[in-house]
Amino acid sequence: NNPTNTPADPTRAADGTLPQELLRKYILYARTHIHPKLSTTSFDQNKLTSLYTSLRRESAVSGGVPIAVRHIESILRMSEAHARLHLREYVREDDVDAAIDMML
């Protein structure tokens, strides 16, 4: 059943998923011990600035709901949550990218 001849992962169920109790412990650990910080050197702030500007411009032209600063704040909170999920101390560029992908 293991075509790569590597040892089976004892933390995973037969179908490859994590057992619920292990997932519960992982989330609890991340929630209580991991508090990622936003660092000006860890991601490109210009990306968020240009995203905000282009989305504001696009919503004005199309007549859609205008984007507000709170939307950018939401992206930053989702970036922190993504970093926490990966047990990181700092928010990285890929965390911001994942948050932007979720938001759009």
PDB file of N, CA and C in Angstrom:
ATOM      1  N   ASN A   1       0.801  -1.208   0.000  1.00  0.00           N
ATOM      2  CA  ASN A   1       0.000   0.000   0.000  1.00  0.00           C
ATOM      3  C   ASN A   1       0.840   1.266   0.000  1.00  0.00           C
ATOM      4  N   ASN A   2       2.126   1.151   0.213  1.00  0.00           N
ATOM      5  CA  ASN A   2       2.989   2.313   0.269  1.00  0.00           C
ATOM      6  C   ASN A   2       3.966   2.242  -0.908  1.00  0.00           C
ATOM      7  N   PRO A   3       3.610   2.808  -2.064  1.00  0.00           N
ATOM      8  CA  PRO A   3       4.416   2.632  -3.272  1.00  0.00           C
ATOM      9  C   PRO A   3       5.776   3.297  -3.230  1.00  0.00           C
ATOM     10  N   THR A   4       5.982   4.285  -2.366  1.00  0.00           N
ATOM     11  CA  THR A   4       7.261   4.982  -2.343  1.00  0.00           C
ATOM     12  C   THR A   4       8.274   4.320  -1.421  1.00  0.00           C
ATOM     13  N   ASN A   5       7.877   3.229  -0.770  1.00  0.00           N
ATOM     14  CA  ASN A   5       8.741   2.511   0.158  1.00  0.00           C
ATOM     15  C   ASN A   5       9.245   3.374   1.307  1.00  0.00           C
ATOM     16  N   THR A   6       8.446   4.366   1.703  1.00  0.00           N
ATOM     17  CA  THR A   6       8.773   5.163   2.875  1.00  0.00           C
ATOM     18  C   THR A   6       7.892   4.701   4.018  1.00  0.00           C
ATOM     19  N   PRO A   7       8.354   4.851   5.244  1.00  0.00           N
ATOM     20  CA  PRO A   7       7.534   4.407   6.368  1.00  0.00           C
ATOM     21  C   PRO A   7       6.230   5.196   6.427  1.00  0.00           C
ATOM     22  N   ALA A   8       5.175   4.540   6.813  1.00  0.00           N
ATOM     23  CA  ALA A   8       3.877   5.200   6.935  1.00  0.00           C
ATOM     24  C   ALA A   8       3.927   6.208   8.067  1.00  0.00           C
ATOM     25  N   ASP A   9       3.203   7.306   7.907  1.00  0.00           N
ATOM     26  CA  ASP A   9       3.141   8.349   8.924  1.00  0.00           C
ATOM     27  C   ASP A   9       2.188   7.889  10.028  1.00  0.00           C
ATOM     28  N   PRO A  10       2.690   7.668  11.237  1.00  0.00           N
ATOM     29  CA  PRO A  10       1.833   7.147  12.305  1.00  0.00           C
ATOM     30  C   PRO A  10       0.783   8.153  12.790  1.00  0.00           C
ATOM     31  N   THR A  11       0.948   9.439  12.440  1.00  0.00           N
ATOM     32  CA  THR A  11      -0.014  10.435  12.898  1.00  0.00           C
ATOM     33  C   THR A  11      -1.219  10.547  11.982  1.00  0.00           C
ATOM     34  N   ARG A  12      -1.187   9.911  10.841  1.00  0.00           N
ATOM     35  CA  ARG A  12      -2.290  10.015   9.881  1.00  0.00           C
ATOM     36  C   ARG A  12      -3.152   8.755   9.894  1.00  0.00           C
ATOM     37  N   ALA A  13      -4.406   8.969   9.586  1.00  0.00           N
ATOM     38  CA  ALA A  13      -5.336   7.841   9.469  1.00  0.00           C
ATOM     39  C   ALA A  13      -5.050   7.117   8.158  1.00  0.00           C
ATOM     40  N   ALA A  14      -5.693   5.987   7.959  1.00  0.00           N
ATOM     41  CA  ALA A  14      -5.465   5.184   6.757  1.00  0.00           C
ATOM     42  C   ALA A  14      -5.792   5.945   5.482  1.00  0.00           C
ATOM     43  N   ASP A  15      -6.736   6.872   5.548  1.00  0.00           N
ATOM     44  CA  ASP A  15      -7.112   7.636   4.355  1.00  0.00           C
ATOM     45  C   ASP A  15      -6.243   8.882   4.150  1.00  0.00           C
ATOM     46  N   GLY A  16      -5.236   9.071   5.002  1.00  0.00           N
ATOM     47  CA  GLY A  16      -4.302  10.185   4.836  1.00  0.00           C
ATOM     48  C   GLY A  16      -4.671  11.432   5.613  1.00  0.00           C
ATOM     49  N   THR A  17      -5.809  11.432   6.297  1.00  0.00           N
ATOM     50  CA  THR A  17      -6.221  12.601   7.065  1.00  0.00           C
ATOM     51  C   THR A  17      -5.657  12.539   8.475  1.00  0.00           C
ATOM     52  N   LEU A  18      -5.620  13.686   9.126  1.00  0.00           N
ATOM     53  CA  LEU A  18      -5.174  13.732  10.517  1.00  0.00           C
ATOM     54  C   LEU A  18      -6.325  13.334  11.426  1.00  0.00           C
ATOM     55  N   PRO A  19      -6.027  12.589  12.465  1.00  0.00           N
ATOM     56  CA  PRO A  19      -7.084  12.273  13.436  1.00  0.00           C
ATOM     57  C   PRO A  19      -7.592  13.555  14.093  1.00  0.00           C
ATOM     58  N   GLN A  20      -8.851  13.585  14.419  1.00  0.00           N
ATOM     59  CA  GLN A  20      -9.473  14.789  14.954  1.00  0.00           C
ATOM     60  C   GLN A  20      -8.798  15.249  16.245  1.00  0.00           C
ATOM     61  N   GLU A  21      -8.412  14.337  17.105  1.00  0.00           N
ATOM     62  CA  GLU A  21      -7.785  14.709  18.377  1.00  0.00           C
ATOM     63  C   GLU A  21      -6.426  15.384  18.141  1.00  0.00           C
ATOM     64  N   LEU A  22      -5.645  14.886  17.196  1.00  0.00           N
ATOM     65  CA  LEU A  22      -4.355  15.508  16.880  1.00  0.00           C
ATOM     66  C   LEU A  22      -4.567  16.899  16.287  1.00  0.00           C
ATOM     67  N   LEU A  23      -5.540  17.036  15.415  1.00  0.00           N
ATOM     68  CA  LEU A  23      -5.846  18.335  14.833  1.00  0.00           C
ATOM     69  C   LEU A  23      -6.285  19.318  15.919  1.00  0.00           C
ATOM     70  N   ARG A  24      -7.088  18.849  16.851  1.00  0.00           N
ATOM     71  CA  ARG A  24      -7.550  19.692  17.960  1.00  0.00           C
ATOM     72  C   ARG A  24      -6.352  20.191  18.782  1.00  0.00           C
ATOM     73  N   LYS A  25      -5.397  19.291  19.068  1.00  0.00           N
ATOM     74  CA  LYS A  25      -4.205  19.676  19.829  1.00  0.00           C
ATOM     75  C   LYS A  25      -3.347  20.674  19.062  1.00  0.00           C
ATOM     76  N   TYR A  26      -3.213  20.460  17.752  1.00  0.00           N
ATOM     77  CA  TYR A  26      -2.423  21.352  16.901  1.00  0.00           C
ATOM     78  C   TYR A  26      -3.010  22.762  16.919  1.00  0.00           C
ATOM     79  N   ILE A  27      -4.327  22.853  16.743  1.00  0.00           N
ATOM     80  CA  ILE A  27      -4.988  24.157  16.734  1.00  0.00           C
ATOM     81  C   ILE A  27      -4.868  24.834  18.091  1.00  0.00           C
ATOM     82  N   LEU A  28      -5.049  24.082  19.163  1.00  0.00           N
ATOM     83  CA  LEU A  28      -4.930  24.641  20.506  1.00  0.00           C
ATOM     84  C   LEU A  28      -3.515  25.163  20.754  1.00  0.00           C
ATOM     85  N   TYR A  29      -2.516  24.395  20.332  1.00  0.00           N
ATOM     86  CA  TYR A  29      -1.127  24.830  20.493  1.00  0.00           C
ATOM     87  C   TYR A  29      -0.881  26.113  19.705  1.00  0.00           C
ATOM     88  N   ALA A  30      -1.301  26.141  18.463  1.00  0.00           N
ATOM     89  CA  ALA A  30      -1.081  27.324  17.622  1.00  0.00           C
ATOM     90  C   ALA A  30      -1.794  28.539  18.196  1.00  0.00           C
ATOM     91  N   ARG A  31      -2.994  28.326  18.689  1.00  0.00           N
ATOM     92  CA  ARG A  31      -3.783  29.430  19.225  1.00  0.00           C
ATOM     93  C   ARG A  31      -3.158  30.016  20.488  1.00  0.00           C
ATOM     94  N   THR A  32      -2.584  29.181  21.325  1.00  0.00           N
ATOM     95  CA  THR A  32      -2.061  29.666  22.605  1.00  0.00           C
ATOM     96  C   THR A  32      -0.592  30.069  22.570  1.00  0.00           C
ATOM     97  N   HIS A  33       0.201  29.471  21.679  1.00  0.00           N
ATOM     98  CA  HIS A  33       1.645  29.725  21.713  1.00  0.00           C
ATOM     99  C   HIS A  33       2.200  30.520  20.529  1.00  0.00           C
ATOM    100  N   ILE A  34       1.484  30.589  19.436  1.00  0.00           N
ATOM    101  CA  ILE A  34       2.016  31.222  18.228  1.00  0.00           C
ATOM    102  C   ILE A  34       1.300  32.546  17.987  1.00  0.00           C
ATOM    103  N   HIS A  35       2.070  33.629  17.949  1.00  0.00           N
ATOM    104  CA  HIS A  35       1.521  34.963  17.717  1.00  0.00           C
ATOM    105  C   HIS A  35       2.389  35.675  16.677  1.00  0.00           C
ATOM    106  N   PRO A  36       2.149  35.400  15.391  1.00  0.00           N
ATOM    107  CA  PRO A  36       2.998  35.968  14.341  1.00  0.00           C
ATOM    108  C   PRO A  36       2.957  37.490  14.324  1.00  0.00           C
ATOM    109  N   LYS A  37       4.074  38.055  13.990  1.00  0.00           N
ATOM    110  CA  LYS A  37       4.193  39.508  13.933  1.00  0.00           C
ATOM    111  C   LYS A  37       4.351  39.955  12.491  1.00  0.00           C
ATOM    112  N   LEU A  38       3.806  41.123  12.219  1.00  0.00           N
ATOM    113  CA  LEU A  38       3.994  41.744  10.908  1.00  0.00           C
ATOM    114  C   LEU A  38       5.296  42.512  10.951  1.00  0.00           C
ATOM    115  N   SER A  39       6.158  42.239  10.020  1.00  0.00           N
ATOM    116  CA  SER A  39       7.444  42.919   9.941  1.00  0.00           C
ATOM    117  C   SER A  39       7.542  43.603   8.581  1.00  0.00           C
ATOM    118  N   THR A  40       8.065  44.808   8.560  1.00  0.00           N
ATOM    119  CA  THR A  40       8.178  45.530   7.297  1.00  0.00           C
ATOM    120  C   THR A  40       9.158  44.862   6.347  1.00  0.00           C
ATOM    121  N   THR A  41      10.035  44.022   6.878  1.00  0.00           N
ATOM    122  CA  THR A  41      11.019  43.353   6.021  1.00  0.00           C
ATOM    123  C   THR A  41      10.553  41.987   5.544  1.00  0.00           C
ATOM    124  N   SER A  42       9.473  41.460   6.143  1.00  0.00           N
ATOM    125  CA  SER A  42       9.076  40.090   5.805  1.00  0.00           C
ATOM    126  C   SER A  42       8.114  40.002   4.629  1.00  0.00           C
ATOM    127  N   PHE A  43       7.486  41.119   4.242  1.00  0.00           N
ATOM    128  CA  PHE A  43       6.607  41.106   3.075  1.00  0.00           C
ATOM    129  C   PHE A  43       6.597  42.484   2.430  1.00  0.00           C
ATOM    130  N   ASP A  44       6.136  42.529   1.206  1.00  0.00           N
ATOM    131  CA  ASP A  44       6.144  43.756   0.410  1.00  0.00           C
ATOM    132  C   ASP A  44       4.905  44.580   0.717  1.00  0.00           C
ATOM    133  N   GLN A  45       5.086  45.681   1.449  1.00  0.00           N
ATOM    134  CA  GLN A  45       3.956  46.542   1.785  1.00  0.00           C
ATOM    135  C   GLN A  45       3.416  47.263   0.556  1.00  0.00           C
ATOM    136  N   ASN A  46       4.267  47.462  -0.433  1.00  0.00           N
ATOM    137  CA  ASN A  46       3.809  48.109  -1.667  1.00  0.00           C
ATOM    138  C   ASN A  46       2.759  47.264  -2.378  1.00  0.00           C
ATOM    139  N   LYS A  47       2.829  45.944  -2.193  1.00  0.00           N
ATOM    140  CA  LYS A  47       1.838  45.059  -2.800  1.00  0.00           C
ATOM    141  C   LYS A  47       0.445  45.384  -2.268  1.00  0.00           C
ATOM    142  N   LEU A  48       0.336  45.561  -0.945  1.00  0.00           N
ATOM    143  CA  LEU A  48      -0.957  45.894  -0.344  1.00  0.00           C
ATOM    144  C   LEU A  48      -1.419  47.290  -0.750  1.00  0.00           C
ATOM    145  N   THR A  49      -0.487  48.211  -0.837  1.00  0.00           N
ATOM    146  CA  THR A  49      -0.826  49.571  -1.247  1.00  0.00           C
ATOM    147  C   THR A  49      -1.352  49.591  -2.669  1.00  0.00           C
ATOM    148  N   SER A  50      -0.668  48.908  -3.574  1.00  0.00           N
ATOM    149  CA  SER A  50      -1.119  48.894  -4.974  1.00  0.00           C
ATOM    150  C   SER A  50      -2.415  48.108  -5.126  1.00  0.00           C
ATOM    151  N   LEU A  51      -2.600  47.046  -4.340  1.00  0.00           N
ATOM    152  CA  LEU A  51      -3.857  46.295  -4.365  1.00  0.00           C
ATOM    153  C   LEU A  51      -5.005  47.189  -3.931  1.00  0.00           C
ATOM    154  N   TYR A  52      -4.819  47.915  -2.844  1.00  0.00           N
ATOM    155  CA  TYR A  52      -5.849  48.823  -2.338  1.00  0.00           C
ATOM    156  C   TYR A  52      -6.198  49.873  -3.386  1.00  0.00           C
ATOM    157  N   THR A  53      -5.175  50.469  -3.972  1.00  0.00           N
ATOM    158  CA  THR A  53      -5.388  51.509  -4.977  1.00  0.00           C
ATOM    159  C   THR A  53      -6.121  50.967  -6.196  1.00  0.00           C
ATOM    160  N   SER A  54      -5.680  49.830  -6.704  1.00  0.00           N
ATOM    161  CA  SER A  54      -6.324  49.286  -7.903  1.00  0.00           C
ATOM    162  C   SER A  54      -7.754  48.831  -7.626  1.00  0.00           C
ATOM    163  N   LEU A  55      -8.010  48.245  -6.465  1.00  0.00           N
ATOM    164  CA  LEU A  55      -9.374  47.828  -6.136  1.00  0.00           C
ATOM    165  C   LEU A  55     -10.291  49.022  -5.921  1.00  0.00           C
ATOM    166  N   ARG A  56      -9.780  50.104  -5.336  1.00  0.00           N
ATOM    167  CA  ARG A  56     -10.581  51.327  -5.181  1.00  0.00           C
ATOM    168  C   ARG A  56     -10.945  51.889  -6.552  1.00  0.00           C
ATOM    169  N   ARG A  57      -9.950  51.933  -7.433  1.00  0.00           N
ATOM    170  CA  ARG A  57     -10.165  52.469  -8.776  1.00  0.00           C
ATOM    171  C   ARG A  57     -11.177  51.609  -9.535  1.00  0.00           C
ATOM    172  N   GLU A  58     -11.023  50.297  -9.438  1.00  0.00           N
ATOM    173  CA  GLU A  58     -11.904  49.371 -10.139  1.00  0.00           C
ATOM    174  C   GLU A  58     -13.341  49.469  -9.631  1.00  0.00           C
ATOM    175  N   SER A  59     -13.519  49.596  -8.319  1.00  0.00           N
ATOM    176  CA  SER A  59     -14.876  49.687  -7.777  1.00  0.00           C
ATOM    177  C   SER A  59     -15.527  51.013  -8.138  1.00  0.00           C
ATOM    178  N   ALA A  60     -14.735  52.079  -8.278  1.00  0.00           N
ATOM    179  CA  ALA A  60     -15.285  53.377  -8.680  1.00  0.00           C
ATOM    180  C   ALA A  60     -15.754  53.335 -10.127  1.00  0.00           C
ATOM    181  N   VAL A  61     -15.002  52.653 -10.984  1.00  0.00           N
ATOM    182  CA  VAL A  61     -15.352  52.570 -12.400  1.00  0.00           C
ATOM    183  C   VAL A  61     -16.570  51.675 -12.616  1.00  0.00           C
ATOM    184  N   SER A  62     -16.600  50.551 -11.930  1.00  0.00           N
ATOM    185  CA  SER A  62     -17.679  49.587 -12.155  1.00  0.00           C
ATOM    186  C   SER A  62     -18.921  49.885 -11.331  1.00  0.00           C
ATOM    187  N   GLY A  63     -18.802  50.784 -10.357  1.00  0.00           N
ATOM    188  CA  GLY A  63     -19.954  51.111  -9.532  1.00  0.00           C
ATOM    189  C   GLY A  63     -20.209  50.087  -8.445  1.00  0.00           C
ATOM    190  N   GLY A  64     -19.225  49.249  -8.167  1.00  0.00           N
ATOM    191  CA  GLY A  64     -19.364  48.212  -7.145  1.00  0.00           C
ATOM    192  C   GLY A  64     -19.158  48.779  -5.752  1.00  0.00           C
ATOM    193  N   VAL A  65     -19.160  47.887  -4.800  1.00  0.00           N
ATOM    194  CA  VAL A  65     -18.944  48.282  -3.408  1.00  0.00           C
ATOM    195  C   VAL A  65     -17.493  48.727  -3.252  1.00  0.00           C
ATOM    196  N   PRO A  66     -17.273  49.940  -2.750  1.00  0.00           N
ATOM    197  CA  PRO A  66     -15.892  50.420  -2.626  1.00  0.00           C
ATOM    198  C   PRO A  66     -15.133  49.664  -1.536  1.00  0.00           C
ATOM    199  N   ILE A  67     -13.862  49.449  -1.793  1.00  0.00           N
ATOM    200  CA  ILE A  67     -13.018  48.787  -0.801  1.00  0.00           C
ATOM    201  C   ILE A  67     -12.633  49.825   0.244  1.00  0.00           C
ATOM    202  N   ALA A  68     -12.581  49.401   1.466  1.00  0.00           N
ATOM    203  CA  ALA A  68     -12.222  50.293   2.561  1.00  0.00           C
ATOM    204  C   ALA A  68     -10.931  49.804   3.209  1.00  0.00           C
ATOM    205  N   VAL A  69     -10.382  50.640   4.057  1.00  0.00           N
ATOM    206  CA  VAL A  69      -9.160  50.277   4.771  1.00  0.00           C
ATOM    207  C   VAL A  69      -9.395  49.026   5.607  1.00  0.00           C
ATOM    208  N   ARG A  70     -10.615  48.832   6.080  1.00  0.00           N
ATOM    209  CA  ARG A  70     -10.898  47.641   6.890  1.00  0.00           C
ATOM    210  C   ARG A  70     -10.700  46.353   6.108  1.00  0.00           C
ATOM    211  N   HIS A  71     -10.848  46.412   4.771  1.00  0.00           N
ATOM    212  CA  HIS A  71     -10.588  45.230   3.944  1.00  0.00           C
ATOM    213  C   HIS A  71      -9.093  44.876   3.968  1.00  0.00           C
ATOM    214  N   ILE A  72      -8.255  45.891   3.929  1.00  0.00           N
ATOM    215  CA  ILE A  72      -6.807  45.664   4.011  1.00  0.00           C
ATOM    216  C   ILE A  72      -6.444  45.127   5.398  1.00  0.00           C
ATOM    217  N   GLU A  73      -7.100  45.675   6.433  1.00  0.00           N
ATOM    218  CA  GLU A  73      -6.867  45.173   7.784  1.00  0.00           C
ATOM    219  C   GLU A  73      -7.279  43.704   7.885  1.00  0.00           C
ATOM    220  N   SER A  74      -8.352  43.336   7.202  1.00  0.00           N
ATOM    221  CA  SER A  74      -8.791  41.936   7.183  1.00  0.00           C
ATOM    222  C   SER A  74      -7.753  41.052   6.513  1.00  0.00           C
ATOM    223  N   ILE A  75      -7.171  41.535   5.430  1.00  0.00           N
ATOM    224  CA  ILE A  75      -6.116  40.778   4.744  1.00  0.00           C
ATOM    225  C   ILE A  75      -4.926  40.572   5.681  1.00  0.00           C
ATOM    226  N   LEU A  76      -4.578  41.596   6.442  1.00  0.00           N
ATOM    227  CA  LEU A  76      -3.460  41.466   7.381  1.00  0.00           C
ATOM    228  C   LEU A  76      -3.785  40.454   8.478  1.00  0.00           C
ATOM    229  N   ARG A  77      -5.015  40.473   8.996  1.00  0.00           N
ATOM    230  CA  ARG A  77      -5.398  39.491  10.028  1.00  0.00           C
ATOM    231  C   ARG A  77      -5.392  38.076   9.454  1.00  0.00           C
ATOM    232  N   MET A  78      -5.862  37.912   8.218  1.00  0.00           N
ATOM    233  CA  MET A  78      -5.838  36.583   7.595  1.00  0.00           C
ATOM    234  C   MET A  78      -4.399  36.136   7.336  1.00  0.00           C
ATOM    235  N   SER A  79      -3.522  37.083   7.029  1.00  0.00           N
ATOM    236  CA  SER A  79      -2.101  36.758   6.850  1.00  0.00           C
ATOM    237  C   SER A  79      -1.505  36.238   8.150  1.00  0.00           C
ATOM    238  N   GLU A  80      -1.847  36.890   9.248  1.00  0.00           N
ATOM    239  CA  GLU A  80      -1.368  36.432  10.551  1.00  0.00           C
ATOM    240  C   GLU A  80      -1.917  35.038  10.871  1.00  0.00           C
ATOM    241  N   ALA A  81      -3.181  34.810  10.550  1.00  0.00           N
ATOM    242  CA  ALA A  81      -3.786  33.503  10.811  1.00  0.00           C
ATOM    243  C   ALA A  81      -3.114  32.414   9.975  1.00  0.00           C
ATOM    244  N   HIS A  82      -2.786  32.737   8.728  1.00  0.00           N
ATOM    245  CA  HIS A  82      -2.114  31.769   7.854  1.00  0.00           C
ATOM    246  C   HIS A  82      -0.723  31.443   8.398  1.00  0.00           C
ATOM    247  N   ALA A  83      -0.018  32.469   8.879  1.00  0.00           N
ATOM    248  CA  ALA A  83       1.305  32.245   9.475  1.00  0.00           C
ATOM    249  C   ALA A  83       1.178  31.402  10.739  1.00  0.00           C
ATOM    250  N   ARG A  84       0.140  31.657  11.529  1.00  0.00           N
ATOM    251  CA  ARG A  84      -0.088  30.875  12.757  1.00  0.00           C
ATOM    252  C   ARG A  84      -0.344  29.415  12.417  1.00  0.00           C
ATOM    253  N   LEU A  85      -1.099  29.186  11.358  1.00  0.00           N
ATOM    254  CA  LEU A  85      -1.382  27.819  10.919  1.00  0.00           C
ATOM    255  C   LEU A  85      -0.092  27.065  10.619  1.00  0.00           C
ATOM    256  N   HIS A  86       0.901  27.775  10.108  1.00  0.00           N
ATOM    257  CA  HIS A  86       2.190  27.162   9.768  1.00  0.00           C
ATOM    258  C   HIS A  86       3.218  27.297  10.897  1.00  0.00           C
ATOM    259  N   LEU A  87       2.748  27.763  12.066  1.00  0.00           N
ATOM    260  CA  LEU A  87       3.578  27.901  13.270  1.00  0.00           C
ATOM    261  C   LEU A  87       4.791  28.801  13.030  1.00  0.00           C
ATOM    262  N   ARG A  88       4.571  29.929  12.369  1.00  0.00           N
ATOM    263  CA  ARG A  88       5.654  30.873  12.086  1.00  0.00           C
ATOM    264  C   ARG A  88       5.601  32.066  13.048  1.00  0.00           C
ATOM    265  N   GLU A  89       6.767  32.631  13.301  1.00  0.00           N
ATOM    266  CA  GLU A  89       6.855  33.798  14.183  1.00  0.00           C
ATOM    267  C   GLU A  89       6.549  35.092  13.445  1.00  0.00           C
ATOM    268  N   TYR A  90       6.821  35.116  12.150  1.00  0.00           N
ATOM    269  CA  TYR A  90       6.616  36.326  11.354  1.00  0.00           C
ATOM    270  C   TYR A  90       5.762  36.015  10.130  1.00  0.00           C
ATOM    271  N   VAL A  91       5.004  37.013   9.705  1.00  0.00           N
ATOM    272  CA  VAL A  91       4.196  36.892   8.495  1.00  0.00           C
ATOM    273  C   VAL A  91       5.130  37.014   7.299  1.00  0.00           C
ATOM    274  N   ARG A  92       5.020  36.074   6.373  1.00  0.00           N
ATOM    275  CA  ARG A  92       5.851  36.090   5.172  1.00  0.00           C
ATOM    276  C   ARG A  92       5.019  36.502   3.966  1.00  0.00           C
ATOM    277  N   GLU A  93       5.709  36.661   2.866  1.00  0.00           N
ATOM    278  CA  GLU A  93       5.064  37.049   1.608  1.00  0.00           C
ATOM    279  C   GLU A  93       3.992  36.047   1.187  1.00  0.00           C
ATOM    280  N   ASP A  94       4.268  34.751   1.333  1.00  0.00           N
ATOM    281  CA  ASP A  94       3.279  33.753   0.928  1.00  0.00           C
ATOM    282  C   ASP A  94       2.041  33.771   1.819  1.00  0.00           C
ATOM    283  N   ASP A  95       2.177  34.223   3.076  1.00  0.00           N
ATOM    284  CA  ASP A  95       1.010  34.375   3.946  1.00  0.00           C
ATOM    285  C   ASP A  95       0.103  35.491   3.431  1.00  0.00           C
ATOM    286  N   VAL A  96       0.727  36.592   3.022  1.00  0.00           N
ATOM    287  CA  VAL A  96      -0.035  37.717   2.472  1.00  0.00           C
ATOM    288  C   VAL A  96      -0.693  37.301   1.159  1.00  0.00           C
ATOM    289  N   ASP A  97       0.041  36.585   0.309  1.00  0.00           N
ATOM    290  CA  ASP A  97      -0.522  36.126  -0.962  1.00  0.00           C
ATOM    291  C   ASP A  97      -1.721  35.217  -0.743  1.00  0.00           C
ATOM    292  N   ALA A  98      -1.629  34.319   0.230  1.00  0.00           N
ATOM    293  CA  ALA A  98      -2.747  33.416   0.524  1.00  0.00           C
ATOM    294  C   ALA A  98      -3.961  34.203   1.001  1.00  0.00           C
ATOM    295  N   ALA A  99      -3.738  35.225   1.829  1.00  0.00           N
ATOM    296  CA  ALA A  99      -4.845  36.052   2.328  1.00  0.00           C
ATOM    297  C   ALA A  99      -5.490  36.830   1.183  1.00  0.00           C
ATOM    298  N   ILE A 100      -4.685  37.355   0.285  1.00  0.00           N
ATOM    299  CA  ILE A 100      -5.224  38.091  -0.866  1.00  0.00           C
ATOM    300  C   ILE A 100      -6.036  37.157  -1.746  1.00  0.00           C
ATOM    301  N   ASP A 101      -5.532  35.949  -1.967  1.00  0.00           N
ATOM    302  CA  ASP A 101      -6.273  34.967  -2.773  1.00  0.00           C
ATOM    303  C   ASP A 101      -7.616  34.629  -2.143  1.00  0.00           C
ATOM    304  N   MET A 102      -7.644  34.514  -0.804  1.00  0.00           N
ATOM    305  CA  MET A 102      -8.907  34.217  -0.120  1.00  0.00           C
ATOM    306  C   MET A 102      -9.888  35.367  -0.234  1.00  0.00           C
ATOM    307  N   MET A 103      -9.351  36.586  -0.164  1.00  0.00           N
ATOM    308  CA  MET A 103     -10.205  37.776  -0.178  1.00  0.00           C
ATOM    309  C   MET A 103     -10.791  38.027  -1.560  1.00  0.00           C
ATOM    310  N   LEU A 104     -10.034  37.710  -2.585  1.00  0.00           N
ATOM    311  CA  LEU A 104     -10.518  37.980  -3.948  1.00  0.00           C
ATOM    312  C   LEU A 104     -11.126  36.725  -4.454  1.00  0.00           C
TER     313      LEU A 104
END
